[in-house]
C-alpha cells in the first residue's frame, strides 16, 4: 500500500515541478522551445491565407471585369466584386474601397491589395485599376485577361488535384466493393445448398 502512495506522491511532485517550470519559463529550455515554434505556426497560417487569396483571384477578377463592363467606376466595381465574399482578398478590397470613400489617396487605398499577397495577378489588377483612376483609360481589358488566365490556372490545378485523388478513390471503392461482392456470392452459394 505504501508503494502506491509513494508512486502517487512521485507523480504529484513531477506534475508540480512541471507547473513550476512552466510558470518560470523565462530562461528554461521549455520557454525557448515554445518561442521557436510560433514562427512555424505563423508561416503555416500565412501559407493558408495566401492559398485562399490565390483561390479567390479568379472569381474576384471575373466579377471585377463584370462590374467594369457594366460601367461602374474602379472602386465601385471592386466593391461589387467583393461584396458577398469573406476571403482575405475580398476583405482587403472592401477595406480599400472604404479608404477611397473617405478620401484616401488612390495609391494608399490600392496598397491594401498589395499587402494581402505577393501574387503577380494581384499587382496586375492593382496596376489596371490605378491606371484607370489616374489616366482615365479602361481597365476592362487587363482585368479580363487576368480573370481568364486565373480561371485557366485554377482549372489546371483542379485537374491535377483530381488526377492525384482518383487512384485513392478507386482503391477505397475496390476495398469496399470487393468484400461485399464476395459476401454476396457466398450468400448465393449458401442459399443454393440443399438442406
N, C-alpha and C. Protein backbone atom coordinates (compact mmCIF):
# COMPACT_ATOMS: atom_id res chain seq x y z
N UNK A 1 0.82 -1.19 0.00
CA UNK A 1 0.00 0.00 0.00
C UNK A 1 0.86 1.26 0.00
N UNK A 2 1.98 1.14 0.72
CA UNK A 2 2.85 2.31 0.78
C UNK A 2 3.51 2.58 -0.56
N UNK A 3 3.74 1.52 -1.36
CA UNK A 3 4.36 1.75 -2.66
C UNK A 3 3.43 2.53 -3.60
N UNK A 4 2.12 2.27 -3.52
CA UNK A 4 1.16 3.04 -4.32
C UNK A 4 1.15 4.49 -3.87
N UNK A 5 1.23 4.71 -2.57
CA UNK A 5 1.29 6.09 -2.05
C UNK A 5 2.55 6.79 -2.49
N UNK A 6 3.66 6.06 -2.52
CA UNK A 6 4.92 6.66 -2.96
C UNK A 6 4.86 7.02 -4.45
N UNK A 7 4.25 6.13 -5.23
CA UNK A 7 4.11 6.41 -6.67
C UNK A 7 3.23 7.64 -6.88
N UNK A 8 2.15 7.72 -6.12
CA UNK A 8 1.25 8.89 -6.23
C UNK A 8 1.96 10.17 -5.83
N UNK A 9 2.76 10.09 -4.75
CA UNK A 9 3.49 11.28 -4.32
C UNK A 9 4.53 11.67 -5.36
N UNK A 10 5.17 10.67 -5.97
CA UNK A 10 6.16 10.96 -7.02
C UNK A 10 5.52 11.63 -8.22
N UNK A 11 4.34 11.13 -8.63
CA UNK A 11 3.63 11.76 -9.75
C UNK A 11 3.21 13.18 -9.43
N UNK A 12 2.73 13.39 -8.21
CA UNK A 12 2.32 14.74 -7.80
C UNK A 12 3.52 15.68 -7.81
N UNK A 13 4.66 15.18 -7.33
CA UNK A 13 5.87 16.00 -7.35
C UNK A 13 6.31 16.32 -8.77
N UNK A 14 6.21 15.34 -9.66
CA UNK A 14 6.58 15.54 -11.05
C UNK A 14 5.68 16.58 -11.72
N UNK A 15 4.39 16.45 -11.48
CA UNK A 15 3.45 17.42 -12.03
C UNK A 15 3.67 18.80 -11.44
N UNK A 16 3.97 18.86 -10.15
CA UNK A 16 4.24 20.15 -9.50
C UNK A 16 5.49 20.80 -10.08
N UNK A 17 6.54 20.01 -10.31
CA UNK A 17 7.76 20.59 -10.87
C UNK A 17 7.54 21.05 -12.31
N UNK A 18 6.69 20.34 -13.06
CA UNK A 18 6.37 20.77 -14.42
C UNK A 18 5.62 22.09 -14.39
N UNK A 19 4.72 22.25 -13.41
CA UNK A 19 3.97 23.51 -13.29
C UNK A 19 4.91 24.65 -12.93
N UNK A 20 5.88 24.39 -12.05
CA UNK A 20 6.84 25.43 -11.66
C UNK A 20 7.69 25.81 -12.86
N UNK A 21 8.12 24.81 -13.64
CA UNK A 21 8.94 25.11 -14.82
C UNK A 21 8.14 25.91 -15.84
N UNK A 22 6.87 25.60 -15.99
CA UNK A 22 6.03 26.33 -16.93
C UNK A 22 5.84 27.76 -16.45
N UNK A 23 5.66 27.94 -15.16
CA UNK A 23 5.45 29.28 -14.62
C UNK A 23 6.70 30.14 -14.75
N UNK A 24 7.86 29.53 -14.62
CA UNK A 24 9.11 30.27 -14.69
C UNK A 24 9.82 29.98 -16.01
N UNK A 25 9.12 30.07 -17.11
CA UNK A 25 9.69 29.66 -18.38
C UNK A 25 10.59 30.71 -19.02
N UNK A 26 10.85 31.79 -18.35
CA UNK A 26 11.68 32.85 -18.93
C UNK A 26 13.02 32.37 -19.43
N UNK A 27 13.73 31.57 -18.63
CA UNK A 27 15.07 31.13 -19.04
C UNK A 27 15.17 29.62 -19.18
N UNK A 28 14.06 28.95 -19.13
CA UNK A 28 14.13 27.50 -19.25
C UNK A 28 14.16 27.08 -20.70
N UNK A 29 14.58 25.89 -20.93
CA UNK A 29 14.63 25.35 -22.28
C UNK A 29 13.22 25.21 -22.85
N UNK A 30 12.26 24.91 -21.97
CA UNK A 30 10.87 24.78 -22.40
C UNK A 30 10.38 26.08 -23.02
N UNK A 31 10.72 27.21 -22.39
CA UNK A 31 10.30 28.51 -22.92
C UNK A 31 10.92 28.81 -24.26
N UNK A 32 12.22 28.49 -24.43
CA UNK A 32 12.87 28.74 -25.72
C UNK A 32 12.27 27.86 -26.81
N UNK A 33 11.92 26.64 -26.47
CA UNK A 33 11.32 25.74 -27.45
C UNK A 33 9.97 26.27 -27.89
N UNK A 34 9.19 26.75 -26.96
CA UNK A 34 7.88 27.29 -27.33
C UNK A 34 8.02 28.50 -28.22
N UNK A 35 8.97 29.38 -27.93
CA UNK A 35 9.14 30.56 -28.75
C UNK A 35 9.59 30.20 -30.16
N UNK A 36 10.33 29.12 -30.31
CA UNK A 36 10.77 28.72 -31.64
C UNK A 36 9.62 28.16 -32.47
N UNK A 37 8.61 27.63 -31.84
CA UNK A 37 7.51 27.01 -32.60
C UNK A 37 6.55 28.04 -33.16
N UNK A 38 6.46 29.21 -32.56
CA UNK A 38 5.50 30.20 -33.04
C UNK A 38 5.75 30.65 -34.47
N UNK A 39 7.00 30.91 -34.89
CA UNK A 39 7.16 31.33 -36.29
C UNK A 39 6.68 30.28 -37.29
N UNK A 40 6.89 29.00 -37.00
CA UNK A 40 6.42 27.99 -37.95
C UNK A 40 4.90 27.98 -38.02
N UNK A 41 4.25 28.20 -36.87
CA UNK A 41 2.79 28.27 -36.89
C UNK A 41 2.33 29.49 -37.69
N UNK A 42 3.07 30.59 -37.57
CA UNK A 42 2.73 31.80 -38.32
C UNK A 42 2.91 31.55 -39.81
N UNK A 43 3.97 30.84 -40.18
CA UNK A 43 4.21 30.53 -41.59
C UNK A 43 3.07 29.67 -42.13
N UNK A 44 2.62 28.67 -41.35
CA UNK A 44 1.52 27.83 -41.80
C UNK A 44 0.25 28.64 -41.97
N UNK A 45 -0.03 29.56 -41.03
CA UNK A 45 -1.22 30.39 -41.16
C UNK A 45 -1.11 31.28 -42.40
N UNK A 46 0.08 31.87 -42.63
CA UNK A 46 0.25 32.72 -43.80
C UNK A 46 0.15 31.92 -45.09
N UNK A 47 0.65 30.66 -45.07
CA UNK A 47 0.52 29.82 -46.26
C UNK A 47 -0.96 29.57 -46.56
N UNK A 48 -1.76 29.29 -45.52
CA UNK A 48 -3.19 29.09 -45.73
C UNK A 48 -3.86 30.33 -46.25
N UNK A 49 -3.43 31.49 -45.74
CA UNK A 49 -4.01 32.75 -46.19
C UNK A 49 -3.65 33.00 -47.65
N UNK A 50 -2.39 32.78 -48.02
CA UNK A 50 -2.00 33.01 -49.42
C UNK A 50 -2.70 32.03 -50.35
N UNK A 51 -2.95 30.81 -49.88
CA UNK A 51 -3.68 29.86 -50.71
C UNK A 51 -5.12 30.32 -50.92
N UNK A 52 -5.75 30.84 -49.86
CA UNK A 52 -7.13 31.34 -50.00
C UNK A 52 -7.18 32.55 -50.93
N UNK A 53 -6.15 33.40 -50.87
CA UNK A 53 -6.09 34.55 -51.78
C UNK A 53 -5.94 34.07 -53.21
N UNK A 54 -5.06 33.09 -53.44
CA UNK A 54 -4.85 32.55 -54.79
C UNK A 54 -6.13 31.94 -55.33
N UNK A 55 -6.88 31.23 -54.48
CA UNK A 55 -8.13 30.62 -54.93
C UNK A 55 -9.22 31.65 -55.19
N UNK A 56 -9.14 32.82 -54.54
CA UNK A 56 -10.18 33.83 -54.71
C UNK A 56 -9.96 34.72 -55.92
N UNK A 57 -8.73 34.80 -56.42
CA UNK A 57 -8.42 35.73 -57.50
C UNK A 57 -9.28 35.50 -58.75
N UNK A 58 -9.49 34.26 -59.24
CA UNK A 58 -10.30 34.12 -60.46
C UNK A 58 -11.72 34.66 -60.33
N UNK A 59 -12.38 34.38 -59.21
CA UNK A 59 -13.76 34.84 -59.03
C UNK A 59 -13.82 36.36 -58.86
N UNK A 60 -12.90 36.89 -58.05
CA UNK A 60 -12.89 38.34 -57.83
C UNK A 60 -12.58 39.07 -59.13
N UNK A 61 -11.61 38.58 -59.90
CA UNK A 61 -11.25 39.23 -61.16
C UNK A 61 -12.40 39.16 -62.16
N UNK A 62 -13.10 38.02 -62.21
CA UNK A 62 -14.24 37.89 -63.13
C UNK A 62 -15.36 38.85 -62.75
N UNK A 63 -15.67 38.94 -61.46
CA UNK A 63 -16.72 39.88 -61.02
C UNK A 63 -16.28 41.33 -61.20
N UNK A 64 -14.99 41.59 -61.01
CA UNK A 64 -14.48 42.94 -61.23
C UNK A 64 -14.63 43.32 -62.70
N UNK A 65 -14.32 42.39 -63.60
CA UNK A 65 -14.49 42.65 -65.04
C UNK A 65 -15.96 42.88 -65.38
N UNK A 66 -16.84 42.12 -64.74
CA UNK A 66 -18.28 42.32 -64.97
C UNK A 66 -18.72 43.70 -64.53
N UNK A 67 -18.26 44.13 -63.36
CA UNK A 67 -18.60 45.47 -62.87
C UNK A 67 -18.06 46.57 -63.77
N UNK A 68 -16.82 46.40 -64.23
CA UNK A 68 -16.25 47.41 -65.14
C UNK A 68 -17.00 47.44 -66.47
N UNK A 69 -17.39 46.25 -66.97
CA UNK A 69 -18.14 46.20 -68.24
C UNK A 69 -19.51 46.84 -68.09
N UNK A 70 -20.07 46.81 -66.87
CA UNK A 70 -21.38 47.42 -66.64
C UNK A 70 -21.29 48.94 -66.49
N UNK A 71 -20.07 49.49 -66.52
CA UNK A 71 -19.92 50.93 -66.45
C UNK A 71 -19.63 51.47 -65.06
N UNK A 72 -19.36 50.60 -64.11
CA UNK A 72 -19.03 51.07 -62.76
C UNK A 72 -17.61 51.62 -62.73
N UNK A 73 -17.37 52.54 -61.82
CA UNK A 73 -16.01 53.04 -61.62
C UNK A 73 -15.16 51.96 -60.98
N UNK A 74 -13.84 52.15 -60.95
CA UNK A 74 -12.95 51.10 -60.44
C UNK A 74 -13.26 50.67 -59.00
N UNK A 75 -13.45 51.63 -58.10
CA UNK A 75 -13.72 51.25 -56.71
C UNK A 75 -15.13 50.68 -56.55
N UNK A 76 -16.09 51.19 -57.31
CA UNK A 76 -17.43 50.62 -57.27
C UNK A 76 -17.44 49.19 -57.81
N UNK A 77 -16.69 48.95 -58.89
CA UNK A 77 -16.59 47.60 -59.45
C UNK A 77 -15.88 46.67 -58.49
N UNK A 78 -14.85 47.18 -57.80
CA UNK A 78 -14.13 46.37 -56.81
C UNK A 78 -15.05 46.01 -55.65
N UNK A 79 -15.85 46.97 -55.21
CA UNK A 79 -16.81 46.69 -54.14
C UNK A 79 -17.86 45.69 -54.61
N UNK A 80 -18.30 45.83 -55.84
CA UNK A 80 -19.27 44.88 -56.42
C UNK A 80 -18.68 43.47 -56.43
N UNK A 81 -17.39 43.36 -56.80
CA UNK A 81 -16.76 42.04 -56.92
C UNK A 81 -16.59 41.36 -55.58
N UNK A 82 -16.50 42.12 -54.50
CA UNK A 82 -16.17 41.54 -53.19
C UNK A 82 -17.27 41.68 -52.15
N UNK A 83 -18.43 42.10 -52.55
CA UNK A 83 -19.46 42.43 -51.57
C UNK A 83 -19.95 41.24 -50.75
N UNK A 84 -19.96 40.03 -51.29
CA UNK A 84 -20.51 38.88 -50.57
C UNK A 84 -19.46 37.83 -50.23
N UNK A 85 -18.20 38.15 -50.34
CA UNK A 85 -17.15 37.17 -50.08
C UNK A 85 -16.49 37.46 -48.73
N UNK A 86 -15.87 36.41 -48.18
CA UNK A 86 -15.21 36.58 -46.89
C UNK A 86 -13.75 36.13 -46.91
N UNK A 87 -13.17 35.94 -48.10
CA UNK A 87 -11.76 35.55 -48.18
C UNK A 87 -10.89 36.78 -47.90
N UNK A 88 -9.60 36.60 -47.60
CA UNK A 88 -8.73 37.73 -47.27
C UNK A 88 -8.63 38.78 -48.37
N UNK A 89 -8.66 38.36 -49.63
CA UNK A 89 -8.59 39.32 -50.74
C UNK A 89 -9.82 40.21 -50.76
N UNK A 90 -10.99 39.64 -50.58
CA UNK A 90 -12.22 40.43 -50.61
C UNK A 90 -12.30 41.38 -49.42
N UNK A 91 -11.85 40.92 -48.26
CA UNK A 91 -11.85 41.80 -47.09
C UNK A 91 -10.91 42.99 -47.32
N UNK A 92 -9.75 42.74 -47.91
CA UNK A 92 -8.80 43.82 -48.20
C UNK A 92 -9.37 44.76 -49.26
N UNK A 93 -10.06 44.19 -50.25
CA UNK A 93 -10.65 45.03 -51.30
C UNK A 93 -11.74 45.93 -50.73
N UNK A 94 -12.55 45.39 -49.84
CA UNK A 94 -13.58 46.23 -49.21
C UNK A 94 -12.96 47.32 -48.35
N UNK A 95 -11.84 46.98 -47.69
CA UNK A 95 -11.15 47.99 -46.88
C UNK A 95 -10.58 49.09 -47.79
N UNK A 96 -10.05 48.70 -48.96
CA UNK A 96 -9.53 49.69 -49.92
C UNK A 96 -10.65 50.60 -50.42
N UNK A 97 -11.82 50.02 -50.69
CA UNK A 97 -12.97 50.83 -51.14
C UNK A 97 -13.41 51.80 -50.06
N UNK A 98 -13.41 51.34 -48.81
CA UNK A 98 -13.80 52.21 -47.71
C UNK A 98 -12.80 53.35 -47.54
N UNK A 99 -11.51 53.05 -47.71
CA UNK A 99 -10.50 54.10 -47.60
C UNK A 99 -10.66 55.13 -48.70
N UNK A 100 -10.94 54.66 -49.93
CA UNK A 100 -11.14 55.59 -51.05
C UNK A 100 -12.39 56.43 -50.84
N UNK A 101 -13.39 55.84 -50.22
CA UNK A 101 -14.65 56.55 -49.98
C UNK A 101 -14.48 57.71 -49.00
N UNK A 102 -13.57 57.55 -48.04
CA UNK A 102 -13.36 58.63 -47.07
C UNK A 102 -12.27 59.59 -47.51
N UNK A 103 -11.75 59.43 -48.74
CA UNK A 103 -10.83 60.41 -49.28
C UNK A 103 -9.37 60.05 -49.25
N UNK A 104 -9.03 58.81 -49.01
CA UNK A 104 -7.62 58.41 -49.03
C UNK A 104 -7.10 58.48 -50.46
N UNK A 105 -5.83 58.79 -50.64
CA UNK A 105 -5.27 58.79 -52.00
C UNK A 105 -5.39 57.42 -52.65
N UNK A 106 -5.46 57.40 -53.97
CA UNK A 106 -5.66 56.16 -54.73
C UNK A 106 -4.55 55.16 -54.42
N UNK A 107 -3.30 55.63 -54.42
CA UNK A 107 -2.17 54.72 -54.19
C UNK A 107 -2.25 54.10 -52.81
N UNK A 108 -2.62 54.88 -51.81
CA UNK A 108 -2.72 54.35 -50.43
C UNK A 108 -3.84 53.33 -50.34
N UNK A 109 -4.97 53.63 -50.95
CA UNK A 109 -6.10 52.70 -50.90
C UNK A 109 -5.77 51.39 -51.61
N UNK A 110 -5.11 51.48 -52.76
CA UNK A 110 -4.79 50.27 -53.51
C UNK A 110 -3.60 49.50 -52.93
N UNK A 111 -2.80 50.16 -52.09
CA UNK A 111 -1.70 49.45 -51.41
C UNK A 111 -2.23 48.35 -50.51
N UNK A 112 -3.45 48.47 -50.06
CA UNK A 112 -4.06 47.45 -49.20
C UNK A 112 -4.15 46.12 -49.96
N UNK A 113 -4.41 46.18 -51.27
CA UNK A 113 -4.45 44.96 -52.07
C UNK A 113 -3.09 44.29 -52.16
N UNK A 114 -2.04 45.12 -52.24
CA UNK A 114 -0.69 44.56 -52.33
C UNK A 114 -0.25 43.90 -51.03
N UNK A 115 -0.80 44.35 -49.91
CA UNK A 115 -0.42 43.81 -48.62
C UNK A 115 -0.99 42.41 -48.39
N UNK A 116 -2.03 42.05 -49.12
CA UNK A 116 -2.68 40.75 -48.93
C UNK A 116 -1.80 39.61 -49.40
N UNK A 117 -1.09 39.80 -50.48
CA UNK A 117 -0.25 38.73 -51.01
C UNK A 117 0.69 39.25 -52.08
N UNK A 118 1.64 38.43 -52.43
CA UNK A 118 2.64 38.83 -53.42
C UNK A 118 2.36 38.19 -54.78
N UNK A 119 1.12 37.87 -55.06
CA UNK A 119 0.76 37.24 -56.33
C UNK A 119 0.88 38.27 -57.46
N UNK A 120 1.46 37.85 -58.57
CA UNK A 120 1.65 38.76 -59.71
C UNK A 120 0.31 39.21 -60.28
N UNK A 121 -0.70 38.35 -60.19
CA UNK A 121 -2.02 38.73 -60.72
C UNK A 121 -2.64 39.85 -59.90
N UNK A 122 -2.36 39.87 -58.60
CA UNK A 122 -2.86 40.96 -57.76
C UNK A 122 -2.23 42.28 -58.17
N UNK A 123 -0.93 42.26 -58.44
CA UNK A 123 -0.29 43.51 -58.85
C UNK A 123 -0.80 43.95 -60.22
N UNK A 124 -1.14 42.99 -61.09
CA UNK A 124 -1.72 43.35 -62.40
C UNK A 124 -3.08 44.01 -62.23
N UNK A 125 -3.91 43.46 -61.34
CA UNK A 125 -5.22 44.07 -61.08
C UNK A 125 -5.05 45.46 -60.48
N UNK A 126 -4.12 45.58 -59.55
CA UNK A 126 -3.88 46.87 -58.90
C UNK A 126 -3.42 47.91 -59.91
N UNK A 127 -2.48 47.54 -60.79
CA UNK A 127 -1.98 48.49 -61.79
C UNK A 127 -3.07 48.89 -62.78
N UNK A 128 -3.92 47.94 -63.16
CA UNK A 128 -5.00 48.26 -64.10
C UNK A 128 -5.98 49.25 -63.47
N UNK A 129 -6.35 49.01 -62.21
CA UNK A 129 -7.27 49.93 -61.53
C UNK A 129 -6.64 51.30 -61.35
N UNK A 130 -5.36 51.32 -60.97
CA UNK A 130 -4.68 52.59 -60.74
C UNK A 130 -4.54 53.39 -62.03
N UNK A 131 -4.25 52.70 -63.14
CA UNK A 131 -4.11 53.43 -64.41
C UNK A 131 -5.45 53.99 -64.87
N UNK A 132 -6.54 53.25 -64.62
CA UNK A 132 -7.85 53.81 -64.99
C UNK A 132 -8.19 55.03 -64.14
N UNK A 133 -7.87 54.97 -62.86
CA UNK A 133 -8.18 56.10 -61.99
C UNK A 133 -7.31 57.31 -62.30
N UNK A 134 -6.06 57.09 -62.69
CA UNK A 134 -5.16 58.21 -62.93
C UNK A 134 -5.28 58.79 -64.35
N UNK A 135 -5.32 57.91 -65.36
CA UNK A 135 -5.29 58.41 -66.73
C UNK A 135 -6.64 58.35 -67.43
N UNK A 136 -7.60 57.67 -66.85
CA UNK A 136 -8.92 57.60 -67.45
C UNK A 136 -9.06 56.50 -68.50
N UNK A 137 -8.01 55.71 -68.71
CA UNK A 137 -8.10 54.59 -69.64
C UNK A 137 -8.98 53.48 -69.07
N UNK A 138 -9.26 52.50 -69.88
CA UNK A 138 -10.13 51.42 -69.43
C UNK A 138 -9.31 50.29 -68.83
N UNK A 139 -9.74 49.81 -67.67
CA UNK A 139 -9.08 48.68 -67.01
C UNK A 139 -9.74 47.37 -67.39
N UNK A 140 -10.77 47.42 -68.23
CA UNK A 140 -11.54 46.22 -68.54
C UNK A 140 -10.69 45.14 -69.22
N UNK A 141 -9.90 45.50 -70.22
CA UNK A 141 -9.11 44.50 -70.94
C UNK A 141 -8.08 43.81 -70.05
N UNK A 142 -7.26 44.56 -69.28
CA UNK A 142 -6.30 43.86 -68.43
C UNK A 142 -6.96 43.02 -67.35
N UNK A 143 -8.06 43.51 -66.79
CA UNK A 143 -8.74 42.75 -65.74
C UNK A 143 -9.36 41.48 -66.32
N UNK A 144 -9.93 41.59 -67.53
CA UNK A 144 -10.48 40.40 -68.19
C UNK A 144 -9.40 39.39 -68.50
N UNK A 145 -8.23 39.87 -68.93
CA UNK A 145 -7.11 38.96 -69.22
C UNK A 145 -6.65 38.25 -67.95
N UNK A 146 -6.58 38.97 -66.84
CA UNK A 146 -6.20 38.35 -65.56
C UNK A 146 -7.24 37.32 -65.15
N UNK A 147 -8.52 37.66 -65.32
CA UNK A 147 -9.59 36.73 -64.94
C UNK A 147 -9.52 35.45 -65.76
N UNK A 148 -9.28 35.56 -67.06
CA UNK A 148 -9.20 34.37 -67.92
C UNK A 148 -7.99 33.52 -67.56
N UNK A 149 -6.83 34.18 -67.37
CA UNK A 149 -5.62 33.42 -67.03
C UNK A 149 -5.76 32.74 -65.68
N UNK A 150 -6.36 33.44 -64.71
CA UNK A 150 -6.54 32.86 -63.38
C UNK A 150 -7.51 31.69 -63.42
N UNK A 151 -8.58 31.82 -64.21
CA UNK A 151 -9.54 30.72 -64.33
C UNK A 151 -8.89 29.50 -64.99
N UNK A 152 -8.05 29.74 -66.01
CA UNK A 152 -7.36 28.62 -66.67
C UNK A 152 -6.40 27.93 -65.70
N UNK A 153 -5.64 28.71 -64.91
CA UNK A 153 -4.74 28.13 -63.92
C UNK A 153 -5.50 27.32 -62.88
N UNK A 154 -6.64 27.86 -62.45
CA UNK A 154 -7.44 27.15 -61.45
C UNK A 154 -7.97 25.83 -62.01
N UNK A 155 -8.37 25.83 -63.26
CA UNK A 155 -8.84 24.60 -63.89
C UNK A 155 -7.73 23.56 -63.96
N UNK A 156 -6.53 24.01 -64.31
CA UNK A 156 -5.38 23.08 -64.38
C UNK A 156 -5.08 22.52 -62.99
N UNK A 157 -5.08 23.37 -61.98
CA UNK A 157 -4.82 22.91 -60.61
C UNK A 157 -5.86 21.90 -60.16
N UNK A 158 -7.12 22.17 -60.44
CA UNK A 158 -8.18 21.23 -60.04
C UNK A 158 -8.06 19.91 -60.77
N UNK A 159 -7.69 19.95 -62.06
CA UNK A 159 -7.50 18.72 -62.82
C UNK A 159 -6.34 17.90 -62.26
N UNK A 160 -5.25 18.58 -61.91
CA UNK A 160 -4.11 17.87 -61.33
C UNK A 160 -4.47 17.27 -59.98
N UNK A 161 -5.20 18.03 -59.18
CA UNK A 161 -5.63 17.52 -57.86
C UNK A 161 -6.55 16.31 -58.02
N UNK A 162 -7.45 16.38 -58.99
CA UNK A 162 -8.36 15.25 -59.24
C UNK A 162 -7.59 14.03 -59.72
N UNK A 163 -6.57 14.25 -60.55
CA UNK A 163 -5.76 13.13 -61.03
C UNK A 163 -4.99 12.46 -59.89
N UNK A 164 -4.59 13.25 -58.89
CA UNK A 164 -3.89 12.67 -57.74
C UNK A 164 -4.83 11.90 -56.83
N UNK A 165 -6.06 12.36 -56.73
CA UNK A 165 -7.03 11.75 -55.81
C UNK A 165 -7.73 10.55 -56.42
N UNK A 166 -7.83 10.49 -57.73
CA UNK A 166 -8.58 9.41 -58.40
C UNK A 166 -8.10 8.01 -58.03
N UNK A 167 -6.79 7.72 -58.00
CA UNK A 167 -6.38 6.37 -57.59
C UNK A 167 -6.77 6.02 -56.16
N UNK A 168 -6.75 7.01 -55.28
CA UNK A 168 -7.16 6.76 -53.90
C UNK A 168 -8.64 6.41 -53.82
N UNK A 169 -9.44 7.11 -54.59
CA UNK A 169 -10.88 6.82 -54.61
C UNK A 169 -11.13 5.43 -55.17
N UNK A 170 -10.39 5.07 -56.23
CA UNK A 170 -10.54 3.74 -56.81
C UNK A 170 -10.14 2.66 -55.81
N UNK A 171 -9.10 2.92 -55.03
CA UNK A 171 -8.67 1.96 -54.02
C UNK A 171 -9.74 1.78 -52.95
N UNK A 172 -10.32 2.87 -52.49
CA UNK A 172 -11.37 2.79 -51.47
C UNK A 172 -12.57 2.04 -52.01
N UNK A 173 -12.96 2.34 -53.23
CA UNK A 173 -14.11 1.65 -53.84
C UNK A 173 -13.81 0.17 -53.96
N UNK A 174 -12.59 -0.17 -54.39
CA UNK A 174 -12.24 -1.59 -54.51
C UNK A 174 -12.25 -2.28 -53.15
N UNK A 175 -11.75 -1.61 -52.14
CA UNK A 175 -11.72 -2.22 -50.80
C UNK A 175 -13.12 -2.40 -50.22
N UNK A 176 -14.05 -1.57 -50.64
CA UNK A 176 -15.42 -1.69 -50.14
C UNK A 176 -16.23 -2.66 -51.00
N UNK A 177 -16.11 -2.58 -52.32
CA UNK A 177 -16.95 -3.38 -53.21
C UNK A 177 -16.52 -4.84 -53.32
N UNK A 178 -15.22 -5.10 -53.32
CA UNK A 178 -14.76 -6.49 -53.48
C UNK A 178 -15.23 -7.37 -52.32
N UNK A 179 -15.04 -6.95 -51.06
CA UNK A 179 -15.56 -7.81 -49.97
C UNK A 179 -17.08 -7.96 -50.01
N UNK A 180 -17.79 -6.89 -50.36
CA UNK A 180 -19.24 -7.01 -50.40
C UNK A 180 -19.67 -7.93 -51.55
N UNK A 181 -18.97 -7.90 -52.68
CA UNK A 181 -19.30 -8.81 -53.79
C UNK A 181 -19.01 -10.27 -53.39
N UNK A 182 -17.89 -10.47 -52.67
CA UNK A 182 -17.57 -11.82 -52.20
C UNK A 182 -18.62 -12.33 -51.20
N UNK A 183 -19.07 -11.44 -50.32
CA UNK A 183 -20.12 -11.83 -49.36
C UNK A 183 -21.42 -12.16 -50.08
N UNK A 184 -21.75 -11.38 -51.09
CA UNK A 184 -22.96 -11.65 -51.85
C UNK A 184 -22.87 -13.00 -52.57
N UNK A 185 -21.70 -13.28 -53.17
CA UNK A 185 -21.51 -14.56 -53.84
C UNK A 185 -21.59 -15.72 -52.84
N UNK A 186 -21.01 -15.52 -51.66
CA UNK A 186 -21.07 -16.56 -50.63
C UNK A 186 -22.51 -16.78 -50.16
N UNK A 187 -23.28 -15.71 -50.04
CA UNK A 187 -24.68 -15.83 -49.61
C UNK A 187 -25.49 -16.59 -50.66
N UNK A 188 -25.24 -16.32 -51.94
CA UNK A 188 -25.94 -17.01 -53.01
C UNK A 188 -25.56 -18.50 -52.98
N UNK A 189 -24.27 -18.79 -52.76
CA UNK A 189 -23.81 -20.18 -52.73
C UNK A 189 -24.40 -20.92 -51.55
N UNK A 190 -24.47 -20.24 -50.39
CA UNK A 190 -25.04 -20.89 -49.19
C UNK A 190 -26.55 -21.11 -49.39
N UNK A 191 -27.23 -20.18 -50.02
CA UNK A 191 -28.67 -20.32 -50.23
C UNK A 191 -28.96 -21.43 -51.23
N UNK A 192 -28.04 -21.73 -52.11
CA UNK A 192 -28.26 -22.77 -53.11
C UNK A 192 -27.94 -24.17 -52.59
N UNK A 193 -27.33 -24.29 -51.42
CA UNK A 193 -27.02 -25.61 -50.86
C UNK A 193 -28.28 -26.32 -50.41
N UNK A 194 -28.37 -27.60 -50.66
CA UNK A 194 -29.56 -28.32 -50.20
C UNK A 194 -29.53 -28.52 -48.69
N UNK A 195 -30.68 -28.44 -48.10
CA UNK A 195 -30.91 -28.86 -46.76
C UNK A 195 -30.65 -28.03 -45.64
